[in-house]
Protein backbone atom coordinates (compact mmCIF):
# COMPACT_ATOMS: atom_id res chain seq x y z
CA MET A 1 36.26 6.71 -33.61
CA THR A 2 34.94 9.36 -36.00
CA PRO A 3 35.67 12.90 -34.77
CA ILE A 4 32.70 14.59 -33.12
CA PHE A 5 32.34 18.27 -33.91
CA GLY A 6 30.86 20.60 -31.38
CA ARG A 7 31.42 23.53 -29.07
CA LEU A 8 33.17 23.91 -25.75
CA TYR A 9 31.39 26.04 -23.14
CA LEU A 10 33.77 27.36 -20.51
CA VAL A 11 32.73 27.30 -16.88
CA ARG A 12 34.03 30.85 -16.46
CA GLY A 13 31.73 32.09 -19.23
CA GLY A 14 32.48 33.85 -22.49
CA GLN A 15 31.89 32.79 -26.07
CA PRO A 16 31.82 29.06 -26.81
CA ARG A 17 34.85 27.69 -28.67
CA ARG A 18 34.93 25.32 -31.61
CA ALA A 19 36.10 21.87 -30.59
CA VAL A 20 36.50 18.34 -31.91
CA ALA A 21 36.26 15.30 -29.62
CA THR A 22 37.60 11.82 -30.26
CA LEU A 23 37.46 8.67 -28.14
CA GLN A 24 40.56 6.49 -28.12
CA GLY A 25 40.25 3.54 -25.80
CA LYS A 26 39.54 4.92 -22.34
CA THR A 27 40.61 8.45 -23.17
CA LEU A 28 38.69 11.45 -24.49
CA ILE A 29 40.84 13.64 -26.75
CA LEU A 30 39.61 17.21 -27.22
CA ASN A 31 41.04 19.61 -29.78
CA VAL A 32 39.99 23.24 -29.26
CA ASP A 33 40.19 25.86 -32.02
CA ASP A 34 42.67 23.61 -33.90
CA VAL A 35 45.27 24.74 -31.38
CA GLU A 36 44.88 23.12 -27.96
CA THR A 37 44.70 19.37 -27.52
CA ASP A 38 43.84 17.83 -24.15
CA HIS A 39 43.51 14.22 -23.01
CA TYR A 40 40.96 13.20 -20.36
CA PRO A 41 40.68 9.71 -18.84
CA LEU A 42 37.02 8.65 -19.08
CA GLU A 43 36.75 8.08 -15.34
CA PHE A 44 37.24 11.84 -14.85
CA VAL A 45 34.55 13.04 -17.26
CA VAL A 46 30.76 12.91 -16.90
CA PHE A 47 28.43 12.04 -19.77
CA ASP A 48 24.98 13.64 -19.48
CA ASP A 49 22.02 11.26 -19.47
CA PRO A 50 20.65 10.94 -23.01
CA LEU A 51 17.27 12.56 -23.55
CA PRO A 52 15.35 12.74 -26.84
CA GLY A 53 16.29 15.88 -28.77
CA VAL A 54 18.91 16.90 -26.20
CA PRO A 55 22.65 16.70 -26.98
CA ALA A 56 24.76 14.18 -25.07
CA ASN A 57 27.07 16.70 -23.40
CA VAL A 58 30.33 15.84 -21.69
CA VAL A 59 31.38 17.64 -18.52
CA LEU A 60 35.15 17.90 -18.14
CA PRO A 61 37.06 17.86 -14.83
CA SER A 62 37.42 21.67 -15.01
CA GLY A 63 33.65 22.08 -15.26
CA ASP A 64 33.82 23.05 -18.93
CA LYS A 65 31.18 21.35 -21.10
CA PHE A 66 31.52 19.92 -24.61
CA GLU A 67 28.29 19.90 -26.64
CA PRO A 68 28.13 17.87 -29.89
CA GLU A 69 26.62 19.64 -32.89
CA ASP A 70 24.60 16.52 -33.74
CA HIS A 71 21.94 16.36 -31.03
CA ALA A 72 21.12 12.77 -32.00
CA PHE A 73 24.67 11.57 -31.37
CA ARG A 74 25.25 9.21 -28.46
CA TRP A 75 28.62 8.19 -27.02
CA PRO A 76 29.59 4.50 -27.27
CA THR A 77 29.92 4.40 -23.48
CA GLN A 78 26.17 5.09 -23.19
CA THR A 79 25.02 1.73 -24.57
CA THR A 80 22.79 0.94 -21.60
CA GLN A 81 21.49 4.47 -21.50
CA ASN A 82 20.74 4.28 -25.24
CA ALA A 83 18.60 1.20 -24.60
CA LEU A 84 16.69 3.09 -21.91
CA GLU A 85 16.24 6.02 -24.28
CA ARG A 86 14.78 3.69 -26.91
CA LEU A 87 12.36 2.30 -24.33
CA GLU A 88 11.34 5.83 -23.42
CA GLN A 89 10.44 6.47 -27.06
CA ASN A 90 8.68 3.13 -27.64
CA LYS A 91 4.91 3.67 -27.74
CA ARG A 92 4.16 0.15 -26.55
CA TRP A 93 6.37 0.58 -23.52
CA ILE A 94 4.86 4.00 -22.84
CA ILE A 95 1.33 2.54 -22.89
CA ALA A 96 2.45 -0.42 -20.77
CA SER A 97 4.00 1.98 -18.27
CA LEU A 98 0.84 4.07 -18.08
CA ILE A 99 -1.05 0.92 -17.12
CA GLY A 100 1.64 -0.93 -15.19
CA VAL A 101 2.94 1.85 -12.94
CA PRO A 102 -0.47 2.72 -11.41
CA LEU A 103 -1.19 -1.01 -11.04
CA LEU A 104 2.13 -1.54 -9.29
CA LEU A 105 1.46 1.41 -7.00
CA TRP A 106 -1.96 -0.01 -6.17
CA LEU A 107 -0.48 -3.42 -5.34
CA ILE A 108 2.14 -1.78 -3.13
CA ILE A 109 -0.40 0.38 -1.28
CA ALA A 110 -3.15 -2.26 -1.07
CA TYR A 111 -1.06 -5.30 -0.13
CA LEU A 112 2.62 -4.69 0.51
CA LEU A 113 2.33 -1.62 2.75
CA PRO A 114 -0.42 -3.09 5.00
CA SER A 115 1.72 -6.20 5.53
CA LEU A 116 4.75 -4.07 6.36
CA ALA A 117 2.60 -1.88 8.62
CA LEU A 118 1.39 -4.92 10.55
CA TYR A 119 4.96 -6.18 10.96
CA THR A 120 6.12 -2.71 12.03
CA ALA A 121 3.28 -2.32 14.53
CA LYS A 122 3.99 -5.70 16.11
CA HIS A 123 7.64 -4.78 16.62
CA MET A 124 7.12 -1.14 17.57
CA PRO A 125 8.75 -0.36 20.95
CA ASP A 126 6.33 0.44 23.78
CA PRO A 127 7.82 3.93 24.39
CA ILE A 128 6.95 4.91 20.80
CA ILE A 129 3.37 3.62 21.14
CA GLU A 130 3.08 5.48 24.44
CA GLN A 131 4.23 8.72 22.83
CA MET A 132 1.81 8.25 19.94
CA GLY A 133 -1.02 7.94 22.45
CA ILE A 134 0.11 10.96 24.46
CA GLN A 135 0.43 13.17 21.35
CA SER A 136 -2.94 12.06 20.01
CA HIS A 137 -4.66 12.59 23.36
CA ALA A 138 -3.19 16.08 23.67
CA MET A 139 -4.29 17.03 20.16
CA LEU A 140 -7.82 15.75 20.76
CA LYS A 141 -8.07 17.80 23.95
CA ARG A 142 -7.03 20.92 22.03
CA THR A 143 -9.38 20.41 19.12
CA MET A 144 -12.54 18.51 20.04
CA LEU A 145 -12.71 17.54 23.72
CA ASP A 146 -14.10 19.61 26.59
CA GLU A 147 -14.28 19.01 30.32
CA SER A 148 -16.76 16.32 31.29
CA THR A 149 -20.03 17.40 32.87
CA LEU A 150 -20.74 13.98 34.36
CA SER A 151 -21.12 13.83 38.12
CA ALA A 152 -18.50 12.11 40.25
CA ASP A 153 -20.94 9.29 40.97
CA GLU A 154 -21.60 8.73 37.27
CA LYS A 155 -17.88 8.57 36.53
CA ASP A 156 -17.22 6.25 39.47
CA ASP A 157 -20.00 3.91 38.36
CA ILE A 158 -18.66 3.58 34.81
CA THR A 159 -15.04 3.36 35.98
CA ALA A 160 -15.94 0.49 38.32
CA LEU A 161 -17.68 -1.31 35.46
CA TRP A 162 -14.66 -0.71 33.23
CA THR A 163 -12.13 -1.90 35.82
CA SER A 164 -14.14 -5.02 36.54
CA THR A 165 -14.43 -5.85 32.84
CA VAL A 166 -10.71 -5.47 32.15
CA LYS A 167 -9.74 -7.49 35.24
CA ARG A 168 -12.09 -10.32 34.34
CA LEU A 169 -10.62 -10.51 30.86
CA GLN A 170 -7.05 -10.42 32.13
CA TYR A 171 -7.71 -13.02 34.84
CA GLN A 172 -9.90 -15.48 32.95
CA HIS A 173 -8.60 -15.18 29.41
CA GLN A 174 -4.88 -14.44 29.46
CA ALA A 175 -4.47 -16.39 26.23
CA LEU A 176 -6.33 -13.61 24.42
CA GLY A 177 -3.32 -11.35 24.80
CA ILE A 178 -4.72 -8.54 26.94
CA ASN A 179 -1.28 -7.01 27.15
CA ARG A 180 -1.78 -3.33 27.87
CA SER A 181 -2.84 -1.34 30.86
CA TYR A 182 -5.93 0.73 30.15
CA ALA A 183 -7.12 4.11 31.35
CA LEU A 184 -10.63 5.50 30.93
CA TYR A 185 -11.23 9.22 30.31
CA PHE A 186 -14.51 11.14 30.23
CA TYR A 187 -15.04 14.22 28.07
CA ASP A 188 -17.85 16.28 26.67
CA SER A 189 -17.66 16.77 22.90
CA GLU A 190 -20.07 18.41 20.49
CA ILE A 191 -17.99 17.13 17.59
CA LEU A 192 -17.86 13.47 18.61
CA GLY A 193 -21.38 13.34 20.05
CA ALA A 194 -22.23 9.96 21.60
CA ASN A 195 -19.06 8.06 20.88
CA ALA A 196 -15.90 6.43 22.20
CA LEU A 197 -12.42 6.04 20.79
CA ALA A 198 -9.21 4.24 21.66
CA LEU A 199 -5.65 5.53 21.45
CA PRO A 200 -2.68 3.25 20.76
CA ASN A 201 -1.32 3.36 24.33
CA GLY A 202 -4.55 2.07 25.88
CA ASP A 203 -6.22 5.40 26.70
CA VAL A 204 -9.95 5.10 25.99
CA VAL A 205 -12.06 8.23 25.62
CA VAL A 206 -15.81 8.04 26.33
CA THR A 207 -18.07 11.03 25.75
CA ASP A 208 -20.70 12.23 28.19
CA LYS A 209 -23.44 11.79 25.60
CA LEU A 210 -22.60 8.12 25.14
CA VAL A 211 -22.64 7.49 28.90
CA ARG A 212 -26.02 9.17 29.25
CA ARG A 213 -27.47 7.40 26.23
CA LEU A 214 -26.42 4.00 27.60
CA LYS A 215 -26.96 4.60 31.31
CA GLU A 216 -29.89 2.15 31.33
CA ASN A 217 -28.02 -0.48 29.31
CA LYS A 218 -24.73 -1.33 30.98
CA ASN A 219 -24.19 -4.35 28.74
CA ALA A 220 -24.20 -2.07 25.69
CA LEU A 221 -21.65 0.20 27.34
CA VAL A 222 -19.44 -2.82 28.10
CA ALA A 223 -19.76 -3.82 24.43
CA VAL A 224 -18.50 -0.38 23.35
CA LEU A 225 -15.57 -0.60 25.74
CA LEU A 226 -14.70 -4.10 24.52
CA HIS A 227 -14.83 -2.82 20.94
CA GLU A 228 -12.32 -0.10 21.82
CA ILE A 229 -10.07 -2.60 23.65
CA GLY A 230 -10.19 -4.66 20.45
CA HIS A 231 -8.77 -1.73 18.50
CA VAL A 232 -5.87 -1.44 20.94
CA GLU A 233 -5.15 -5.16 21.29
CA GLN A 234 -5.05 -5.60 17.53
CA LEU A 235 -2.75 -2.59 17.14
CA HIS A 236 -5.11 -0.78 14.78
CA SER A 237 -3.86 2.73 15.59
CA ALA A 238 -0.22 1.69 15.30
CA ARG A 239 -0.95 -0.13 12.05
CA MET A 240 -2.76 2.88 10.56
CA ALA A 241 0.02 5.23 11.63
CA SER A 242 2.68 2.88 10.24
CA GLN A 243 0.80 2.49 6.98
CA SER A 244 0.37 6.26 6.65
CA ALA A 245 4.08 6.81 7.26
CA LEU A 246 5.14 4.00 4.92
CA THR A 247 2.84 5.31 2.18
CA ALA A 248 4.31 8.80 2.50
CA ILE A 249 7.86 7.41 2.49
CA ALA A 250 7.10 5.30 -0.59
CA ALA A 251 5.63 8.31 -2.37
CA ALA A 252 8.60 10.47 -1.39
CA THR A 253 11.01 7.82 -2.64
CA LEU A 254 9.18 7.22 -5.91
CA PHE A 255 8.59 10.87 -6.72
CA GLY A 256 11.70 12.39 -5.14
CA ASP A 257 9.91 14.51 -2.52
CA LEU A 258 12.39 13.80 0.26
CA GLU A 259 11.46 16.94 2.20
CA SER A 260 8.19 15.29 3.17
CA LEU A 261 10.06 12.63 5.16
CA ALA A 262 10.55 15.09 8.01
CA GLU A 263 6.82 15.80 8.05
CA VAL A 264 6.17 12.05 8.27
CA LEU A 265 8.34 11.62 11.33
CA VAL A 266 6.94 14.67 13.13
CA GLY A 267 3.29 14.12 12.27
CA THR A 268 2.84 10.40 12.94
CA GLY A 269 1.30 10.95 16.37
CA ILE A 270 -1.14 13.52 15.02
CA THR A 271 -2.12 11.18 12.20
CA VAL A 272 -3.49 8.69 14.71
CA ALA A 273 -5.94 11.18 16.18
CA GLN A 274 -7.17 12.31 12.76
CA GLN A 275 -7.65 8.86 11.30
CA GLN A 276 -10.83 6.84 11.00
CA PHE A 277 -10.47 3.11 11.28
CA SER A 278 -10.94 1.16 8.09
CA GLN A 279 -14.04 -0.96 7.69
CA GLN A 280 -12.00 -4.14 8.10
CA MET A 281 -10.60 -2.92 11.39
CA GLU A 282 -14.09 -2.06 12.62
CA TRP A 283 -15.17 -5.61 11.87
CA GLU A 284 -12.10 -6.98 13.67
CA ALA A 285 -12.86 -4.88 16.75
CA ASP A 286 -16.50 -6.03 16.60
CA ALA A 287 -15.37 -9.66 16.49
CA PHE A 288 -13.19 -9.07 19.56
CA ALA A 289 -16.12 -7.48 21.39
CA LEU A 290 -18.57 -10.25 20.44
CA GLU A 291 -16.18 -13.01 21.46
CA ASN A 292 -15.54 -11.45 24.84
CA LEU A 293 -19.17 -10.57 25.52
CA ALA A 294 -19.82 -14.30 25.25
CA ARG A 295 -16.89 -15.07 27.54
CA LEU A 296 -18.30 -12.64 30.09
CA ASN A 297 -21.74 -14.27 29.81
CA MET A 298 -23.26 -11.14 28.30
CA PRO A 299 -25.56 -11.09 25.26
CA LYS A 300 -23.77 -10.41 21.98
CA SER A 301 -26.73 -8.29 20.94
CA ALA A 302 -25.43 -5.66 23.38
CA LEU A 303 -23.03 -4.51 20.66
CA GLY A 304 -25.91 -4.03 18.25
CA ASP A 305 -27.78 -2.07 20.92
CA ALA A 306 -24.76 0.20 21.35
CA LEU A 307 -24.39 0.75 17.60
CA GLU A 308 -28.09 1.54 17.26
CA THR A 309 -27.80 4.07 20.07
CA ILE A 310 -24.84 5.77 18.40
CA VAL A 311 -26.64 5.91 15.03
CA ALA A 312 -29.77 7.29 16.71
CA SER A 313 -27.63 9.96 18.35
CA LYS A 314 -26.19 10.92 14.97
CA LYS A 315 -29.70 11.18 13.55
CA ASP A 316 -30.69 13.54 16.36
CA GLU A 317 -27.62 15.68 15.66
CA HIS A 318 -28.41 15.64 11.95
CA ASN A 319 -31.92 16.90 12.56
CA SER A 320 -30.55 19.88 14.48
CA MET A 321 -27.67 20.79 12.14
CA GLU A 322 -27.40 22.04 8.56
CA HIS A 323 -24.70 19.55 7.60
CA SER A 324 -25.41 15.85 7.69
CA VAL A 325 -23.46 14.40 10.59
CA LEU A 326 -25.22 11.10 9.94
CA ASP A 327 -24.07 11.02 6.31
CA SER A 328 -20.52 11.77 7.44
CA TYR A 329 -20.66 9.00 10.03
CA LEU A 330 -22.11 6.42 7.67
CA SER A 331 -19.57 7.31 4.98
CA SER A 332 -16.77 6.12 7.27
CA HIS A 333 -18.89 3.32 8.78
CA PRO A 334 -21.01 2.21 5.78
CA ASP A 335 -21.54 -1.31 7.17
CA THR A 336 -23.12 -0.17 10.43
CA LEU A 337 -26.45 -1.86 9.71
CA GLU A 338 -24.64 -5.06 8.74
CA ARG A 339 -22.62 -4.88 11.94
CA ILE A 340 -25.80 -4.50 14.00
CA ALA A 341 -27.32 -7.51 12.25
CA ALA A 342 -24.14 -9.57 12.77
CA SER A 343 -24.28 -9.00 16.53
CA ARG A 344 -27.77 -10.50 16.67
CA ARG A 345 -27.17 -13.69 14.74
């Protein structure tokens, strides 16, 4: 091999020394200042990754570094790396990468991760789901839930309706997979308004405003509760949490931000409480509610009545607030009118 002229930078510092490197077989021979000659087996030296305009340095076992004078020179052992370097400088490949990488990321996030999230949710141990529910419930109580102002009789009335509904489903329709035990909680909430939400462990939160809005329409209240059971039975919270975690892990792996992995593991429970179900999941929960309203010999239109009541409540809040609560609600539930219509077909 032709001698490669360059400089040797000592790990201990000082002025660089003139040096000449030669490859013979699997040995690097280095002559320094025309005086010292050292032999280094290739398995004990490290060749820097080739980068355009950057010299292909060699790090010796001592930590000293040999830098070729010719910054375009590449070592014969870097054949594969040279091919990669050529790809990095090829305009067609650069353009293809600019298009292909975002497309690949979109396919991963839109299709692969949801499938993995569903698989993960189905195989998630019950203790983990229980902890996710407990953490989410605790965070909601700290941030947006207040003590209920409903009377004991009002709570007892709704609880009896709830218990009866769940028992009838479990007794008559075991094939539906009503697998979890459920608990109903009442809270007052200015932030949530007239609303209900389900946590992954089967805890269902109902606000005072929703109870009062639907006190004359028990079928509509049952429809809301069935909708929330649908979220739990179809593992929507666990799926969303899994997808959020998998997305963060994928991003950390692709972009090298491994420190965020700890945040993923700690914050999964909190993510559930902050999320809003996707439109598809809302439709799935609606389908569950409509199917079971029919099984319970209740009109499917009860779900539409409930949705109309919730939207009307948001309108009232919007009229009394500077910021549009209704716009915010409809932005996360843009198919609400379609969902109301679907319940009345």
